[in-house]
Amino acid sequence: MSFREKSAWAMALVMLVTGALYVMLATAYPGAPAIGVVMPIVLLVIILSIVVQTVLALSSPREASAPADERERRISDKAGHFASYVLATGVVVGLGQFMITQDGSKMFHIILTCLILSHIAEYGAQILFFRRSV
């Protein structure tokens, strides 16, 4: 398994864990200010990402410092393209919900949840493409 595939697995796991925690917090405290729910999650994502990437880089320093080859760049591009549809769908749903209910907090949470889902979709697509050797 290549360094970038390991990184995609690790980051998908980080986003799944923190995304689930965010959804639990956002649904448990729906009226809470968004910053109170979002800030701990953002800090957790940053810390976990740094720890995971550091551990991966220390386990294979040569691979970690190597530039992405043509296949890896293509995989990254295709996965990002796919993830953009997930994000765009969430933004449209969030905006539609706002037009109906005028609830900005709910729109914020919908869009942020879809941002998290788009990252999970991107890492999942990268893993799939690495496995299929696209």
Protein backbone atom coordinates (compact mmCIF):
# COMPACT_ATOMS: atom_id res chain seq x y z
CA MET A 1 0.00 0.00 0.00
CA SER A 2 1.42 3.37 -1.00
CA PHE A 3 1.97 6.26 1.38
CA ARG A 4 -0.85 8.27 -0.18
CA GLU A 5 -3.28 5.37 0.11
CA LYS A 6 -2.34 4.93 3.78
CA SER A 7 -2.82 8.66 4.23
CA ALA A 8 -6.27 8.48 2.59
CA TRP A 9 -7.29 5.62 4.90
CA ALA A 10 -6.06 7.49 7.97
CA MET A 11 -7.69 10.78 7.02
CA ALA A 12 -10.97 9.04 6.14
CA LEU A 13 -10.95 7.54 9.62
CA VAL A 14 -10.16 10.93 11.20
CA MET A 15 -13.02 12.56 9.27
CA LEU A 16 -15.44 9.73 10.11
CA VAL A 17 -14.70 9.98 13.84
CA THR A 18 -14.76 13.76 14.02
CA GLY A 19 -17.74 13.98 11.67
CA ALA A 20 -19.74 11.60 13.86
CA LEU A 21 -18.76 13.61 16.93
CA TYR A 22 -19.83 16.83 15.20
CA VAL A 23 -23.21 15.40 14.21
CA MET A 24 -23.76 14.16 17.78
CA LEU A 25 -22.91 17.59 19.22
CA ALA A 26 -24.93 19.51 16.64
CA THR A 27 -28.03 17.36 17.19
CA ALA A 28 -27.66 17.31 20.98
CA TYR A 29 -27.38 21.11 21.18
CA PRO A 30 -29.28 22.43 18.13
CA GLY A 31 -29.72 25.93 19.55
CA ALA A 32 -26.11 26.31 20.66
CA PRO A 33 -23.96 28.90 18.89
CA ALA A 34 -22.22 27.28 15.94
CA ILE A 35 -18.78 28.36 17.18
CA GLY A 36 -19.29 26.41 20.41
CA VAL A 37 -19.96 23.20 18.50
CA VAL A 38 -17.54 23.73 15.63
CA MET A 39 -14.41 24.97 17.39
CA PRO A 40 -13.66 21.79 19.39
CA ILE A 41 -14.23 19.68 16.28
CA VAL A 42 -11.94 21.83 14.14
CA LEU A 43 -9.21 21.66 16.76
CA LEU A 44 -9.63 17.90 17.02
CA VAL A 45 -9.38 17.49 13.24
CA ILE A 46 -6.21 19.60 13.16
CA ILE A 47 -4.57 17.73 16.02
CA LEU A 48 -5.51 14.26 14.76
CA SER A 49 -4.42 15.12 11.21
CA ILE A 50 -1.02 16.30 12.40
CA VAL A 51 -0.52 13.24 14.59
CA VAL A 52 -1.63 10.78 11.90
CA GLN A 53 0.42 12.37 9.13
CA THR A 54 3.49 12.59 11.38
CA VAL A 55 3.23 8.91 12.32
CA LEU A 56 2.80 7.94 8.66
CA ALA A 57 5.71 10.15 7.56
CA LEU A 58 7.99 8.74 10.26
CA SER A 59 7.10 5.20 9.27
CA SER A 60 8.14 5.75 5.64
CA PRO A 61 10.07 9.04 5.29
CA ARG A 62 11.29 8.40 1.76
CA GLU A 63 7.79 7.83 0.39
CA ALA A 64 6.38 10.76 2.37
CA SER A 65 8.82 13.24 0.87
CA ALA A 66 8.50 11.94 -2.69
CA PRO A 67 6.39 14.03 -5.04
CA ALA A 68 3.14 12.54 -6.30
CA ASP A 69 3.53 10.65 -9.56
CA GLU A 70 1.21 11.03 -12.54
CA ARG A 71 -1.12 8.23 -11.39
CA GLU A 72 -1.41 9.69 -7.88
CA ARG A 73 -2.13 13.18 -9.23
CA ARG A 74 -4.83 11.76 -11.51
CA ILE A 75 -6.39 9.85 -8.61
CA SER A 76 -6.38 12.99 -6.45
CA ASP A 77 -7.97 15.05 -9.22
CA LYS A 78 -10.72 12.49 -9.93
CA ALA A 79 -11.50 12.04 -6.24
CA GLY A 80 -11.68 15.80 -5.70
CA HIS A 81 -13.98 16.15 -8.69
CA PHE A 82 -16.30 13.48 -7.29
CA ALA A 83 -16.29 15.08 -3.82
CA SER A 84 -17.26 18.45 -5.28
CA TYR A 85 -20.64 16.98 -6.25
CA VAL A 86 -21.25 15.91 -2.65
CA LEU A 87 -20.42 19.40 -1.39
CA ALA A 88 -22.49 21.13 -4.07
CA THR A 89 -25.50 18.97 -3.25
CA GLY A 90 -25.21 19.89 0.42
CA VAL A 91 -24.95 23.58 -0.33
CA VAL A 92 -28.06 23.45 -2.52
CA VAL A 93 -29.96 21.52 0.16
CA GLY A 94 -28.81 23.95 2.87
CA LEU A 95 -29.78 26.99 0.83
CA GLY A 96 -33.14 25.44 -0.06
CA GLN A 97 -33.78 24.72 3.60
CA PHE A 98 -32.89 28.32 4.45
CA MET A 99 -35.29 29.68 1.83
CA ILE A 100 -38.11 27.69 3.43
CA THR A 101 -37.38 28.04 7.15
CA GLN A 102 -35.11 31.12 7.39
CA ASP A 103 -33.03 29.17 9.95
CA GLY A 104 -29.40 30.16 9.41
CA SER A 105 -28.07 27.85 12.13
CA LYS A 106 -29.63 24.83 10.48
CA MET A 107 -28.25 25.91 7.10
CA PHE A 108 -24.78 26.24 8.65
CA HIS A 109 -24.96 22.75 10.14
CA ILE A 110 -26.24 21.20 6.90
CA ILE A 111 -23.47 22.79 4.84
CA LEU A 112 -20.74 21.91 7.34
CA THR A 113 -22.00 18.33 7.54
CA CYS A 114 -21.85 18.12 3.76
CA LEU A 115 -18.32 19.55 3.82
CA ILE A 116 -17.32 16.73 6.17
CA LEU A 117 -19.13 14.21 3.97
CA SER A 118 -17.37 15.55 0.87
CA HIS A 119 -13.99 15.00 2.53
CA ILE A 120 -14.99 11.46 3.46
CA ALA A 121 -16.17 10.92 -0.12
CA GLU A 122 -12.88 12.27 -1.47
CA TYR A 123 -10.77 9.99 0.71
CA GLY A 124 -13.07 7.05 -0.06
CA ALA A 125 -12.78 7.72 -3.79
CA GLN A 126 -8.99 7.95 -3.50
CA ILE A 127 -8.91 4.58 -1.75
CA LEU A 128 -11.16 3.05 -4.41
CA PHE A 129 -9.09 4.51 -7.24
CA PHE A 130 -5.83 3.35 -5.65
CA ARG A 131 -7.32 -0.16 -5.37
CA ARG A 132 -8.59 -0.10 -8.96
CA SER A 133 -5.35 1.49 -10.23
CA VAL A 134 -7.14 4.23 -12.11
